[in-house]
Amino acid sequence: MLPAPVSLVKRGGFRRSSNASRRRLTDDLLLRARITNLGLLLLSAVTAVSLLYNLSYVFATRHASITELNIHGSLGPWSIADTIQRDAGIQKLSHLIIVPGHAIWKGSDPTRVLDEEDWILEPYQRGGGRVGAFLQHIKGGVERALGDERALLVFSGGQTRTASVFTEADSYLRLAMEQGLLPLGFLRATTENYALDSYQNLLYSIARFHEYVGYYPEFISIVGYEMKRERFENVHRTALRWPADRFRYIGVDIAADHSDAAMQGELNNALIPYKKDLYGCHPPLSTKRRNRNPFARFHSYYTSAPELAGLMNYCPESGTSKIFDGPLPWDNL
């Protein structure tokens, strides 16, 4: 066989050489691609781990904040819990002093506090010294709070009148401050701004104590009308199953309280209806609540005092007086 022409040998060698170069180039490119992909994969992994760590730190911090609050009994979503920082001065309180509101002080001059024109009053509240009684209720609550370092004073009463932007509780606390009865920055006095009747004055003030302090009170004092003593001591306290030996009612007498009209009004409009409807959830008591809530206010206590949710939502059948039998925080007091 004759040898191939030199030109063909050179062309064939060139093709083999060219194919080998392309394979090496391809291998190099694939190797570099693998290295690049591996680098990207490692970088993504590091980024993911870092992100997860940061998220876990954020949620752990929030959880720790909520857990710290939960230790003291305040439950709620972190968006609420993150806004709460309780002062050390209220961490040892155990005595709840309640002053139920009856009207709204709209004045600005504390020297005119007895002027009925500076109050938003119902027609039956005019005359007879009732404004003086409101002031005595406020003073009585303040004196007892100042005399007991374990006490939290709660003025209770909602935004019940269309003629005012204030709640009853706000106006009472403002009056106490304007009168110089309480020092500025006094943290052991606060308001409960949603109660619409005497039953809610008691129940919601307990819830507000928990919201403000972080746990429930051990002892309750109420400063109010003497003629309402039986209503609070024997009806509302019983409905809440609050222990009798940890409850005190301080009645403030005025001449108008002893009038036949006042006593008959207490009996017909409150005491008898509440004995038939302990929780005030049927007419006529429920109708009064609606009429006293013109601005459609509602409370936060399902969140801040969740242990009371069952009691707050309890409503036995009309005409019955069955007492709530679910668990309550003060069962073992």
C-alpha atoms as a PDB file:
ATOM      1  CA  MET A   1       0.000   0.000   0.000  1.00  0.00           C
ATOM      2  CA  LEU A   2       1.361   3.353  -0.972  1.00  0.00           C
ATOM      3  CA  PRO A   3       1.923   5.875   1.875  1.00  0.00           C
ATOM      4  CA  ALA A   4      -0.640   8.625   2.223  1.00  0.00           C
ATOM      5  CA  PRO A   5       0.239  11.991   0.882  1.00  0.00           C
ATOM      6  CA  VAL A   6       1.934  14.284   3.340  1.00  0.00           C
ATOM      7  CA  SER A   7      -0.875  16.844   3.024  1.00  0.00           C
ATOM      8  CA  LEU A   8      -3.451  14.301   4.192  1.00  0.00           C
ATOM      9  CA  VAL A   9      -1.315  13.228   7.162  1.00  0.00           C
ATOM     10  CA  LYS A  10      -0.919  16.816   8.258  1.00  0.00           C
ATOM     11  CA  ARG A  11      -4.637  17.451   7.821  1.00  0.00           C
ATOM     12  CA  GLY A  12      -5.571  14.366   9.852  1.00  0.00           C
ATOM     13  CA  GLY A  13      -3.109  15.298  12.637  1.00  0.00           C
ATOM     14  CA  PHE A  14      -4.493  18.756  12.750  1.00  0.00           C
ATOM     15  CA  ARG A  15      -8.044  17.423  13.122  1.00  0.00           C
ATOM     16  CA  ARG A  16      -7.027  15.081  15.949  1.00  0.00           C
ATOM     17  CA  SER A  17      -5.131  17.903  17.623  1.00  0.00           C
ATOM     18  CA  SER A  18      -8.065  20.276  17.177  1.00  0.00           C
ATOM     19  CA  ASN A  19     -10.556  17.773  18.660  1.00  0.00           C
ATOM     20  CA  ALA A  20      -8.324  17.171  21.695  1.00  0.00           C
ATOM     21  CA  SER A  21      -7.986  20.911  22.294  1.00  0.00           C
ATOM     22  CA  ARG A  22     -11.728  21.364  22.148  1.00  0.00           C
ATOM     23  CA  ARG A  23     -12.241  18.527  24.644  1.00  0.00           C
ATOM     24  CA  ARG A  24      -9.687  20.050  27.024  1.00  0.00           C
ATOM     25  CA  LEU A  25     -11.317  23.433  26.641  1.00  0.00           C
ATOM     26  CA  THR A  26     -14.750  21.928  27.293  1.00  0.00           C
ATOM     27  CA  ASP A  27     -13.461  20.057  30.331  1.00  0.00           C
ATOM     28  CA  ASP A  28     -11.864  23.242  31.651  1.00  0.00           C
ATOM     29  CA  LEU A  29     -15.073  25.156  31.165  1.00  0.00           C
ATOM     30  CA  LEU A  30     -17.154  22.434  32.827  1.00  0.00           C
ATOM     31  CA  LEU A  31     -14.709  22.307  35.738  1.00  0.00           C
ATOM     32  CA  ARG A  32     -14.887  26.037  36.180  1.00  0.00           C
ATOM     33  CA  ALA A  33     -18.685  25.897  35.956  1.00  0.00           C
ATOM     34  CA  ARG A  34     -18.769  23.197  38.637  1.00  0.00           C
ATOM     35  CA  ILE A  35     -16.501  25.287  40.870  1.00  0.00           C
ATOM     36  CA  THR A  36     -18.642  28.367  40.261  1.00  0.00           C
ATOM     37  CA  ASN A  37     -21.868  26.456  40.988  1.00  0.00           C
ATOM     38  CA  LEU A  38     -20.347  24.975  44.139  1.00  0.00           C
ATOM     39  CA  GLY A  39     -19.326  28.436  45.257  1.00  0.00           C
ATOM     40  CA  LEU A  40     -22.796  29.780  44.635  1.00  0.00           C
ATOM     41  CA  LEU A  41     -24.289  26.830  46.480  1.00  0.00           C
ATOM     42  CA  LEU A  42     -22.006  27.397  49.478  1.00  0.00           C
ATOM     43  CA  LEU A  43     -22.722  31.118  49.431  1.00  0.00           C
ATOM     44  CA  SER A  44     -26.479  30.460  49.296  1.00  0.00           C
ATOM     45  CA  ALA A  45     -26.196  28.015  52.160  1.00  0.00           C
ATOM     46  CA  VAL A  46     -24.268  30.515  54.282  1.00  0.00           C
ATOM     47  CA  THR A  47     -26.828  33.216  53.463  1.00  0.00           C
ATOM     48  CA  ALA A  48     -29.717  30.928  54.367  1.00  0.00           C
ATOM     49  CA  VAL A  49     -28.112  29.920  57.656  1.00  0.00           C
ATOM     50  CA  SER A  50     -27.418  33.565  58.483  1.00  0.00           C
ATOM     51  CA  LEU A  51     -30.991  34.535  57.648  1.00  0.00           C
ATOM     52  CA  LEU A  52     -32.438  31.726  59.754  1.00  0.00           C
ATOM     53  CA  TYR A  53     -30.182  32.682  62.657  1.00  0.00           C
ATOM     54  CA  ASN A  54     -31.236  36.305  62.486  1.00  0.00           C
ATOM     55  CA  LEU A  55     -34.915  35.386  62.289  1.00  0.00           C
ATOM     56  CA  SER A  56     -34.577  32.986  65.203  1.00  0.00           C
ATOM     57  CA  TYR A  57     -32.866  35.733  67.208  1.00  0.00           C
ATOM     58  CA  VAL A  58     -35.627  38.210  66.453  1.00  0.00           C
ATOM     59  CA  PHE A  59     -38.414  35.778  67.337  1.00  0.00           C
ATOM     60  CA  ALA A  60     -36.535  34.521  70.376  1.00  0.00           C
ATOM     61  CA  THR A  61     -36.163  38.079  71.597  1.00  0.00           C
ATOM     62  CA  ARG A  62     -39.833  38.771  71.072  1.00  0.00           C
ATOM     63  CA  HIS A  63     -40.758  35.448  72.678  1.00  0.00           C
ATOM     64  CA  ALA A  64     -38.519  36.237  75.629  1.00  0.00           C
ATOM     65  CA  SER A  65     -40.240  39.597  75.996  1.00  0.00           C
ATOM     66  CA  ILE A  66     -43.655  37.962  75.930  1.00  0.00           C
ATOM     67  CA  THR A  67     -42.506  35.179  78.233  1.00  0.00           C
ATOM     68  CA  GLU A  68     -41.237  37.729  80.718  1.00  0.00           C
ATOM     69  CA  LEU A  69     -44.648  39.384  80.682  1.00  0.00           C
ATOM     70  CA  ASN A  70     -46.417  36.033  80.880  1.00  0.00           C
ATOM     71  CA  ILE A  71     -44.571  35.280  84.099  1.00  0.00           C
ATOM     72  CA  HIS A  72     -46.507  38.180  85.582  1.00  0.00           C
ATOM     73  CA  GLY A  73     -49.752  37.053  83.981  1.00  0.00           C
ATOM     74  CA  SER A  74     -50.083  39.421  81.018  1.00  0.00           C
ATOM     75  CA  LEU A  75     -50.971  37.569  77.847  1.00  0.00           C
ATOM     76  CA  GLY A  76     -51.347  38.883  74.330  1.00  0.00           C
ATOM     77  CA  PRO A  77     -49.723  39.085  70.915  1.00  0.00           C
ATOM     78  CA  TRP A  78     -46.154  40.422  70.761  1.00  0.00           C
ATOM     79  CA  SER A  79     -47.363  43.612  69.064  1.00  0.00           C
ATOM     80  CA  ILE A  80     -49.107  44.448  72.348  1.00  0.00           C
ATOM     81  CA  ALA A  81     -46.603  42.889  74.728  1.00  0.00           C
ATOM     82  CA  ASP A  82     -43.756  44.863  73.170  1.00  0.00           C
ATOM     83  CA  THR A  83     -45.423  48.095  74.262  1.00  0.00           C
ATOM     84  CA  ILE A  84     -45.616  47.170  77.964  1.00  0.00           C
ATOM     85  CA  GLN A  85     -42.932  48.030  80.475  1.00  0.00           C
ATOM     86  CA  ARG A  86     -44.233  47.994  84.036  1.00  0.00           C
ATOM     87  CA  ASP A  87     -42.654  50.256  86.623  1.00  0.00           C
ATOM     88  CA  ALA A  88     -40.967  48.504  89.542  1.00  0.00           C
ATOM     89  CA  GLY A  89     -43.085  50.561  91.910  1.00  0.00           C
ATOM     90  CA  ILE A  90     -46.282  48.675  91.013  1.00  0.00           C
ATOM     91  CA  GLN A  91     -44.920  45.153  91.221  1.00  0.00           C
ATOM     92  CA  LYS A  92     -45.930  44.517  94.853  1.00  0.00           C
ATOM     93  CA  LEU A  93     -49.498  45.780  94.808  1.00  0.00           C
ATOM     94  CA  SER A  94     -52.288  43.556  96.100  1.00  0.00           C
ATOM     95  CA  HIS A  95     -55.115  45.871  97.188  1.00  0.00           C
ATOM     96  CA  LEU A  96     -57.598  47.127  94.590  1.00  0.00           C
ATOM     97  CA  ILE A  97     -59.482  50.290  95.577  1.00  0.00           C
ATOM     98  CA  ILE A  98     -62.413  51.087  93.263  1.00  0.00           C
ATOM     99  CA  VAL A  99     -64.240  54.396  92.938  1.00  0.00           C
ATOM    100  CA  PRO A 100     -67.205  53.879  90.592  1.00  0.00           C
ATOM    101  CA  GLY A 101     -68.077  56.881  88.424  1.00  0.00           C
ATOM    102  CA  HIS A 102     -71.556  58.391  88.325  1.00  0.00           C
ATOM    103  CA  ALA A 103     -71.120  61.518  86.214  1.00  0.00           C
ATOM    104  CA  ILE A 104     -68.532  63.472  84.228  1.00  0.00           C
ATOM    105  CA  TRP A 105     -66.761  66.558  85.507  1.00  0.00           C
ATOM    106  CA  LYS A 106     -66.261  68.906  82.564  1.00  0.00           C
ATOM    107  CA  GLY A 107     -64.889  71.876  84.504  1.00  0.00           C
ATOM    108  CA  SER A 108     -61.422  73.384  84.599  1.00  0.00           C
ATOM    109  CA  ASP A 109     -61.576  75.355  87.834  1.00  0.00           C
ATOM    110  CA  PRO A 110     -61.192  73.054  90.859  1.00  0.00           C
ATOM    111  CA  THR A 111     -62.577  75.743  93.157  1.00  0.00           C
ATOM    112  CA  ARG A 112     -65.942  75.354  91.416  1.00  0.00           C
ATOM    113  CA  VAL A 113     -66.102  71.597  91.781  1.00  0.00           C
ATOM    114  CA  LEU A 114     -69.443  71.749  93.609  1.00  0.00           C
ATOM    115  CA  ASP A 115     -71.048  73.791  90.840  1.00  0.00           C
ATOM    116  CA  GLU A 116     -73.476  71.487  89.042  1.00  0.00           C
ATOM    117  CA  GLU A 117     -72.974  73.439  85.827  1.00  0.00           C
ATOM    118  CA  ASP A 118     -69.437  72.025  85.677  1.00  0.00           C
ATOM    119  CA  TRP A 119     -70.821  68.476  85.641  1.00  0.00           C
ATOM    120  CA  ILE A 120     -72.724  66.457  83.053  1.00  0.00           C
ATOM    121  CA  LEU A 121     -75.588  65.107  85.137  1.00  0.00           C
ATOM    122  CA  GLU A 122     -78.786  63.162  84.651  1.00  0.00           C
ATOM    123  CA  PRO A 123     -81.901  65.083  85.715  1.00  0.00           C
ATOM    124  CA  TYR A 124     -82.339  62.953  88.850  1.00  0.00           C
ATOM    125  CA  GLN A 125     -78.753  63.753  89.904  1.00  0.00           C
ATOM    126  CA  ARG A 126     -79.370  67.482  90.223  1.00  0.00           C
ATOM    127  CA  GLY A 127     -79.866  68.848  93.678  1.00  0.00           C
ATOM    128  CA  GLY A 128     -79.620  66.984  96.954  1.00  0.00           C
ATOM    129  CA  GLY A 129     -75.851  67.196  97.259  1.00  0.00           C
ATOM    130  CA  ARG A 130     -74.936  64.451  94.812  1.00  0.00           C
ATOM    131  CA  VAL A 131     -72.008  66.392  93.335  1.00  0.00           C
ATOM    132  CA  GLY A 132     -70.637  66.695  96.855  1.00  0.00           C
ATOM    133  CA  ALA A 133     -70.983  62.926  97.201  1.00  0.00           C
ATOM    134  CA  PHE A 134     -68.954  62.352  94.016  1.00  0.00           C
ATOM    135  CA  LEU A 135     -66.173  64.476  95.470  1.00  0.00           C
ATOM    136  CA  GLN A 136     -66.294  62.547  98.750  1.00  0.00           C
ATOM    137  CA  HIS A 137     -66.037  59.268  96.839  1.00  0.00           C
ATOM    138  CA  ILE A 138     -62.923  60.564  95.065  1.00  0.00           C
ATOM    139  CA  LYS A 139     -61.368  61.834  98.294  1.00  0.00           C
ATOM    140  CA  GLY A 140     -62.173  58.594 100.097  1.00  0.00           C
ATOM    141  CA  GLY A 141     -60.475  56.510  97.418  1.00  0.00           C
ATOM    142  CA  VAL A 142     -57.430  58.779  97.319  1.00  0.00           C
ATOM    143  CA  GLU A 143     -56.993  58.790 101.105  1.00  0.00           C
ATOM    144  CA  ARG A 144     -57.053  55.019 101.274  1.00  0.00           C
ATOM    145  CA  ALA A 145     -54.653  54.647  98.353  1.00  0.00           C
ATOM    146  CA  LEU A 146     -52.170  57.101  99.873  1.00  0.00           C
ATOM    147  CA  GLY A 147     -52.409  55.264 103.179  1.00  0.00           C
ATOM    148  CA  ASP A 148     -51.621  51.827 101.752  1.00  0.00           C
ATOM    149  CA  GLU A 149     -48.485  51.292  99.688  1.00  0.00           C
ATOM    150  CA  ARG A 150     -49.925  48.018  98.402  1.00  0.00           C
ATOM    151  CA  ALA A 151     -53.006  49.724  96.908  1.00  0.00           C
ATOM    152  CA  LEU A 152     -53.892  50.579  93.328  1.00  0.00           C
ATOM    153  CA  LEU A 153     -56.673  53.147  93.003  1.00  0.00           C
ATOM    154  CA  VAL A 154     -58.926  52.583  89.993  1.00  0.00           C
ATOM    155  CA  PHE A 155     -61.522  55.127  88.937  1.00  0.00           C
ATOM    156  CA  SER A 156     -64.066  53.212  86.874  1.00  0.00           C
ATOM    157  CA  GLY A 157     -66.618  54.436  84.348  1.00  0.00           C
ATOM    158  CA  GLY A 158     -67.006  54.668  80.581  1.00  0.00           C
ATOM    159  CA  GLN A 159     -67.711  57.385  78.011  1.00  0.00           C
ATOM    160  CA  THR A 160     -71.394  57.389  78.869  1.00  0.00           C
ATOM    161  CA  ARG A 161     -72.496  60.865  77.765  1.00  0.00           C
ATOM    162  CA  THR A 162     -72.688  62.245  74.240  1.00  0.00           C
ATOM    163  CA  ALA A 163     -71.924  65.737  75.570  1.00  0.00           C
ATOM    164  CA  SER A 164     -68.367  64.832  76.607  1.00  0.00           C
ATOM    165  CA  VAL A 165     -65.249  63.282  75.109  1.00  0.00           C
ATOM    166  CA  PHE A 166     -64.142  62.225  78.607  1.00  0.00           C
ATOM    167  CA  THR A 167     -65.001  59.000  80.347  1.00  0.00           C
ATOM    168  CA  GLU A 168     -66.397  59.153  83.872  1.00  0.00           C
ATOM    169  CA  ALA A 169     -63.135  57.635  85.109  1.00  0.00           C
ATOM    170  CA  ASP A 170     -60.954  60.144  83.240  1.00  0.00           C
ATOM    171  CA  SER A 171     -62.873  63.066  84.698  1.00  0.00           C
ATOM    172  CA  TYR A 172     -62.594  61.705  88.260  1.00  0.00           C
ATOM    173  CA  LEU A 173     -58.831  61.238  87.979  1.00  0.00           C
ATOM    174  CA  ARG A 174     -58.449  64.648  86.345  1.00  0.00           C
ATOM    175  CA  LEU A 175     -60.430  66.227  89.166  1.00  0.00           C
ATOM    176  CA  ALA A 176     -58.273  64.474  91.777  1.00  0.00           C
ATOM    177  CA  MET A 177     -55.183  65.883  90.092  1.00  0.00           C
ATOM    178  CA  GLU A 178     -56.643  69.385  89.681  1.00  0.00           C
ATOM    179  CA  GLN A 179     -57.664  69.409  93.339  1.00  0.00           C
ATOM    180  CA  GLY A 180     -54.133  68.478  94.375  1.00  0.00           C
ATOM    181  CA  LEU A 181     -55.373  65.300  96.021  1.00  0.00           C
ATOM    182  CA  LEU A 182     -52.884  63.171  94.106  1.00  0.00           C
ATOM    183  CA  PRO A 183     -49.261  64.125  93.392  1.00  0.00           C
ATOM    184  CA  LEU A 184     -48.181  64.463  89.771  1.00  0.00           C
ATOM    185  CA  GLY A 185     -46.753  61.262  88.332  1.00  0.00           C
ATOM    186  CA  PHE A 186     -48.520  59.106  90.924  1.00  0.00           C
ATOM    187  CA  LEU A 187     -48.472  55.640  89.376  1.00  0.00           C
ATOM    188  CA  ARG A 188     -50.755  53.941  91.878  1.00  0.00           C
ATOM    189  CA  ALA A 189     -53.850  55.555  90.415  1.00  0.00           C
ATOM    190  CA  THR A 190     -55.335  54.708  87.033  1.00  0.00           C
ATOM    191  CA  THR A 191     -58.619  54.537  85.149  1.00  0.00           C
ATOM    192  CA  GLU A 192     -60.925  51.808  83.935  1.00  0.00           C
ATOM    193  CA  ASN A 193     -62.688  53.376  80.962  1.00  0.00           C
ATOM    194  CA  TYR A 194     -65.317  50.863  79.825  1.00  0.00           C
ATOM    195  CA  ALA A 195     -67.691  50.004  82.685  1.00  0.00           C
ATOM    196  CA  LEU A 196     -71.328  50.891  81.963  1.00  0.00           C
ATOM    197  CA  ASP A 197     -72.910  49.853  85.279  1.00  0.00           C
ATOM    198  CA  SER A 198     -72.025  48.830  88.827  1.00  0.00           C
ATOM    199  CA  TYR A 199     -71.471  45.140  88.006  1.00  0.00           C
ATOM    200  CA  GLN A 200     -68.961  46.123  85.335  1.00  0.00           C
ATOM    201  CA  ASN A 201     -67.369  48.651  87.714  1.00  0.00           C
ATOM    202  CA  LEU A 202     -66.372  45.716  89.896  1.00  0.00           C
ATOM    203  CA  LEU A 203     -65.538  43.104  87.248  1.00  0.00           C
ATOM    204  CA  TYR A 204     -63.718  45.429  84.844  1.00  0.00           C
ATOM    205  CA  SER A 205     -61.712  47.055  87.648  1.00  0.00           C
ATOM    206  CA  ILE A 206     -60.406  43.612  88.604  1.00  0.00           C
ATOM    207  CA  ALA A 207     -59.483  43.070  84.946  1.00  0.00           C
ATOM    208  CA  ARG A 208     -57.854  46.503  84.782  1.00  0.00           C
ATOM    209  CA  PHE A 209     -55.794  45.718  87.907  1.00  0.00           C
ATOM    210  CA  HIS A 210     -54.478  42.644  86.107  1.00  0.00           C
ATOM    211  CA  GLU A 211     -53.845  44.609  82.923  1.00  0.00           C
ATOM    212  CA  TYR A 212     -51.952  47.314  84.806  1.00  0.00           C
ATOM    213  CA  VAL A 213     -50.031  45.239  87.370  1.00  0.00           C
ATOM    214  CA  GLY A 214     -49.762  41.826  85.716  1.00  0.00           C
ATOM    215  CA  TYR A 215     -51.638  39.706  88.251  1.00  0.00           C
ATOM    216  CA  TYR A 216     -54.924  39.746  90.161  1.00  0.00           C
ATOM    217  CA  PRO A 217     -55.617  41.563  93.447  1.00  0.00           C
ATOM    218  CA  GLU A 218     -55.930  39.853  96.808  1.00  0.00           C
ATOM    219  CA  PHE A 219     -58.214  42.375  98.484  1.00  0.00           C
ATOM    220  CA  ILE A 220     -60.875  44.774  97.159  1.00  0.00           C
ATOM    221  CA  SER A 221     -62.246  47.982  98.657  1.00  0.00           C
ATOM    222  CA  ILE A 222     -65.011  50.026  97.040  1.00  0.00           C
ATOM    223  CA  VAL A 223     -65.844  53.628  97.899  1.00  0.00           C
ATOM    224  CA  GLY A 224     -69.352  54.605  96.833  1.00  0.00           C
ATOM    225  CA  TYR A 225     -72.910  55.406  97.842  1.00  0.00           C
ATOM    226  CA  GLU A 226     -74.030  53.860 101.122  1.00  0.00           C
ATOM    227  CA  MET A 227     -77.387  52.988  99.576  1.00  0.00           C
ATOM    228  CA  LYS A 228     -75.581  50.732  97.079  1.00  0.00           C
ATOM    229  CA  ARG A 229     -73.853  48.647  99.742  1.00  0.00           C
ATOM    230  CA  GLU A 230     -76.159  45.644  99.434  1.00  0.00           C
ATOM    231  CA  ARG A 231     -75.905  45.724  95.649  1.00  0.00           C
ATOM    232  CA  PHE A 232     -72.105  45.468  95.757  1.00  0.00           C
ATOM    233  CA  GLU A 233     -71.637  43.315  98.867  1.00  0.00           C
ATOM    234  CA  ASN A 234     -74.374  40.742  98.381  1.00  0.00           C
ATOM    235  CA  VAL A 235     -75.165  40.734  94.658  1.00  0.00           C
ATOM    236  CA  HIS A 236     -72.140  41.699  92.538  1.00  0.00           C
ATOM    237  CA  ARG A 237     -69.567  40.107  94.850  1.00  0.00           C
ATOM    238  CA  THR A 238     -71.626  36.909  94.928  1.00  0.00           C
ATOM    239  CA  ALA A 239     -71.950  36.860  91.127  1.00  0.00           C
ATOM    240  CA  LEU A 240     -68.143  37.051  90.858  1.00  0.00           C
ATOM    241  CA  ARG A 241     -67.642  34.527  93.701  1.00  0.00           C
ATOM    242  CA  TRP A 242     -65.191  36.940  95.314  1.00  0.00           C
ATOM    243  CA  PRO A 243     -64.379  35.928  98.936  1.00  0.00           C
ATOM    244  CA  ALA A 244     -66.384  37.933 101.500  1.00  0.00           C
ATOM    245  CA  ASP A 245     -63.435  38.185 103.880  1.00  0.00           C
ATOM    246  CA  ARG A 246     -61.383  39.939 101.194  1.00  0.00           C
ATOM    247  CA  PHE A 247     -64.000  42.520 100.298  1.00  0.00           C
ATOM    248  CA  ARG A 248     -64.857  45.831 101.926  1.00  0.00           C
ATOM    249  CA  TYR A 249     -67.432  48.449 101.000  1.00  0.00           C
ATOM    250  CA  ILE A 250     -67.051  52.029 102.277  1.00  0.00           C
ATOM    251  CA  GLY A 251     -70.347  53.903 102.045  1.00  0.00           C
ATOM    252  CA  VAL A 252     -70.510  57.686 101.831  1.00  0.00           C
ATOM    253  CA  ASP A 253     -73.772  59.093 103.175  1.00  0.00           C
ATOM    254  CA  ILE A 254     -75.515  62.190 101.857  1.00  0.00           C
ATOM    255  CA  ALA A 255     -78.962  63.467 102.683  1.00  0.00           C
ATOM    256  CA  ALA A 256     -80.312  62.612  99.239  1.00  0.00           C
ATOM    257  CA  ASP A 257     -79.423  58.941  99.746  1.00  0.00           C
ATOM    258  CA  HIS A 258     -82.005  58.624 102.499  1.00  0.00           C
ATOM    259  CA  SER A 259     -84.892  60.171 100.627  1.00  0.00           C
ATOM    260  CA  ASP A 260     -87.785  57.871  99.816  1.00  0.00           C
ATOM    261  CA  ALA A 261     -87.316  58.541  96.093  1.00  0.00           C
ATOM    262  CA  ALA A 262     -83.603  57.611  96.172  1.00  0.00           C
ATOM    263  CA  MET A 263     -84.154  54.405  98.119  1.00  0.00           C
ATOM    264  CA  GLN A 264     -87.082  53.389  95.943  1.00  0.00           C
ATOM    265  CA  GLY A 265     -85.044  54.103  92.807  1.00  0.00           C
ATOM    266  CA  GLU A 266     -82.174  51.930  94.037  1.00  0.00           C
ATOM    267  CA  LEU A 267     -84.597  49.128  94.871  1.00  0.00           C
ATOM    268  CA  ASN A 268     -86.677  49.205  91.675  1.00  0.00           C
ATOM    269  CA  ASN A 269     -84.024  50.134  89.102  1.00  0.00           C
ATOM    270  CA  ALA A 270     -81.012  48.193  90.360  1.00  0.00           C
ATOM    271  CA  LEU A 271     -81.238  45.906  93.373  1.00  0.00           C
ATOM    272  CA  ILE A 272     -84.318  43.905  92.379  1.00  0.00           C
ATOM    273  CA  PRO A 273     -83.364  43.658  88.667  1.00  0.00           C
ATOM    274  CA  TYR A 274     -79.825  42.517  89.555  1.00  0.00           C
ATOM    275  CA  LYS A 275     -81.118  39.867  91.953  1.00  0.00           C
ATOM    276  CA  LYS A 276     -83.140  38.449  89.063  1.00  0.00           C
ATOM    277  CA  ASP A 277     -80.340  38.944  86.498  1.00  0.00           C
ATOM    278  CA  LEU A 278     -77.008  38.680  88.353  1.00  0.00           C
ATOM    279  CA  TYR A 279     -74.895  39.425  85.285  1.00  0.00           C
ATOM    280  CA  GLY A 280     -77.049  42.185  83.819  1.00  0.00           C
ATOM    281  CA  CYS A 281     -77.216  40.544  80.405  1.00  0.00           C
ATOM    282  CA  HIS A 282     -80.998  40.746  79.858  1.00  0.00           C
ATOM    283  CA  PRO A 283     -83.374  43.725  79.639  1.00  0.00           C
ATOM    284  CA  PRO A 284     -83.819  46.105  81.348  1.00  0.00           C
ATOM    285  CA  LEU A 285     -80.197  46.019  82.590  1.00  0.00           C
ATOM    286  CA  SER A 286     -78.675  45.156  79.202  1.00  0.00           C
ATOM    287  CA  THR A 287     -80.720  47.979  77.647  1.00  0.00           C
ATOM    288  CA  LYS A 288     -79.186  50.434  80.117  1.00  0.00           C
ATOM    289  CA  ARG A 289     -75.707  49.338  79.056  1.00  0.00           C
ATOM    290  CA  ARG A 290     -76.445  49.923  75.392  1.00  0.00           C
ATOM    291  CA  ASN A 291     -77.938  53.333  76.130  1.00  0.00           C
ATOM    292  CA  ARG A 292     -74.834  54.275  78.106  1.00  0.00           C
ATOM    293  CA  ASN A 293     -72.487  53.388  75.252  1.00  0.00           C
ATOM    294  CA  PRO A 294     -73.223  56.003  72.561  1.00  0.00           C
ATOM    295  CA  PHE A 295     -69.688  55.832  71.122  1.00  0.00           C
ATOM    296  CA  ALA A 296     -69.646  52.014  70.720  1.00  0.00           C
ATOM    297  CA  ARG A 297     -66.672  51.509  73.044  1.00  0.00           C
ATOM    298  CA  PHE A 298     -65.552  48.008  74.011  1.00  0.00           C
ATOM    299  CA  HIS A 299     -62.857  46.781  76.349  1.00  0.00           C
ATOM    300  CA  SER A 300     -59.492  45.038  75.895  1.00  0.00           C
ATOM    301  CA  TYR A 301     -59.834  42.606  78.789  1.00  0.00           C
ATOM    302  CA  TYR A 302     -60.366  39.468  76.715  1.00  0.00           C
ATOM    303  CA  THR A 303     -56.710  39.941  75.760  1.00  0.00           C
ATOM    304  CA  SER A 304     -55.229  41.441  78.918  1.00  0.00           C
ATOM    305  CA  ALA A 305     -57.189  39.333  81.437  1.00  0.00           C
ATOM    306  CA  PRO A 306     -58.028  36.158  79.483  1.00  0.00           C
ATOM    307  CA  GLU A 307     -58.703  34.144  82.653  1.00  0.00           C
ATOM    308  CA  LEU A 308     -61.899  36.183  83.027  1.00  0.00           C
ATOM    309  CA  ALA A 309     -63.186  35.575  79.498  1.00  0.00           C
ATOM    310  CA  GLY A 310     -65.676  32.930  80.580  1.00  0.00           C
ATOM    311  CA  LEU A 311     -67.070  35.129  83.333  1.00  0.00           C
ATOM    312  CA  MET A 312     -67.225  38.227  81.140  1.00  0.00           C
ATOM    313  CA  ASN A 313     -69.141  36.276  78.484  1.00  0.00           C
ATOM    314  CA  TYR A 314     -71.418  34.411  80.892  1.00  0.00           C
ATOM    315  CA  CYS A 315     -75.161  34.917  80.541  1.00  0.00           C
ATOM    316  CA  PRO A 316     -77.565  32.396  82.092  1.00  0.00           C
ATOM    317  CA  GLU A 317     -81.103  32.122  80.823  1.00  0.00           C
ATOM    318  CA  SER A 318     -83.445  34.956  81.591  1.00  0.00           C
ATOM    319  CA  GLY A 319     -85.252  34.572  84.904  1.00  0.00           C
ATOM    320  CA  THR A 320     -82.562  32.348  86.404  1.00  0.00           C
ATOM    321  CA  SER A 321     -79.900  33.310  88.921  1.00  0.00           C
ATOM    322  CA  LYS A 322     -77.399  30.554  88.264  1.00  0.00           C
ATOM    323  CA  ILE A 323     -73.937  31.629  89.377  1.00  0.00           C
ATOM    324  CA  PHE A 324     -70.975  31.184  87.036  1.00  0.00           C
ATOM    325  CA  ASP A 325     -69.240  27.911  87.967  1.00  0.00           C
ATOM    326  CA  GLY A 326     -66.134  28.052  85.782  1.00  0.00           C
ATOM    327  CA  PRO A 327     -62.596  28.480  87.147  1.00  0.00           C
ATOM    328  CA  LEU A 328     -61.634  31.915  88.480  1.00  0.00           C
ATOM    329  CA  PRO A 329     -58.178  33.255  89.444  1.00  0.00           C
ATOM    330  CA  TRP A 330     -59.271  33.960  93.031  1.00  0.00           C
ATOM    331  CA  ASP A 331     -60.740  30.512  93.736  1.00  0.00           C
ATOM    332  CA  ASN A 332     -57.930  29.724  96.177  1.00  0.00           C
ATOM    333  CA  LEU A 333     -57.636  33.059  97.961  1.00  0.00           C
END
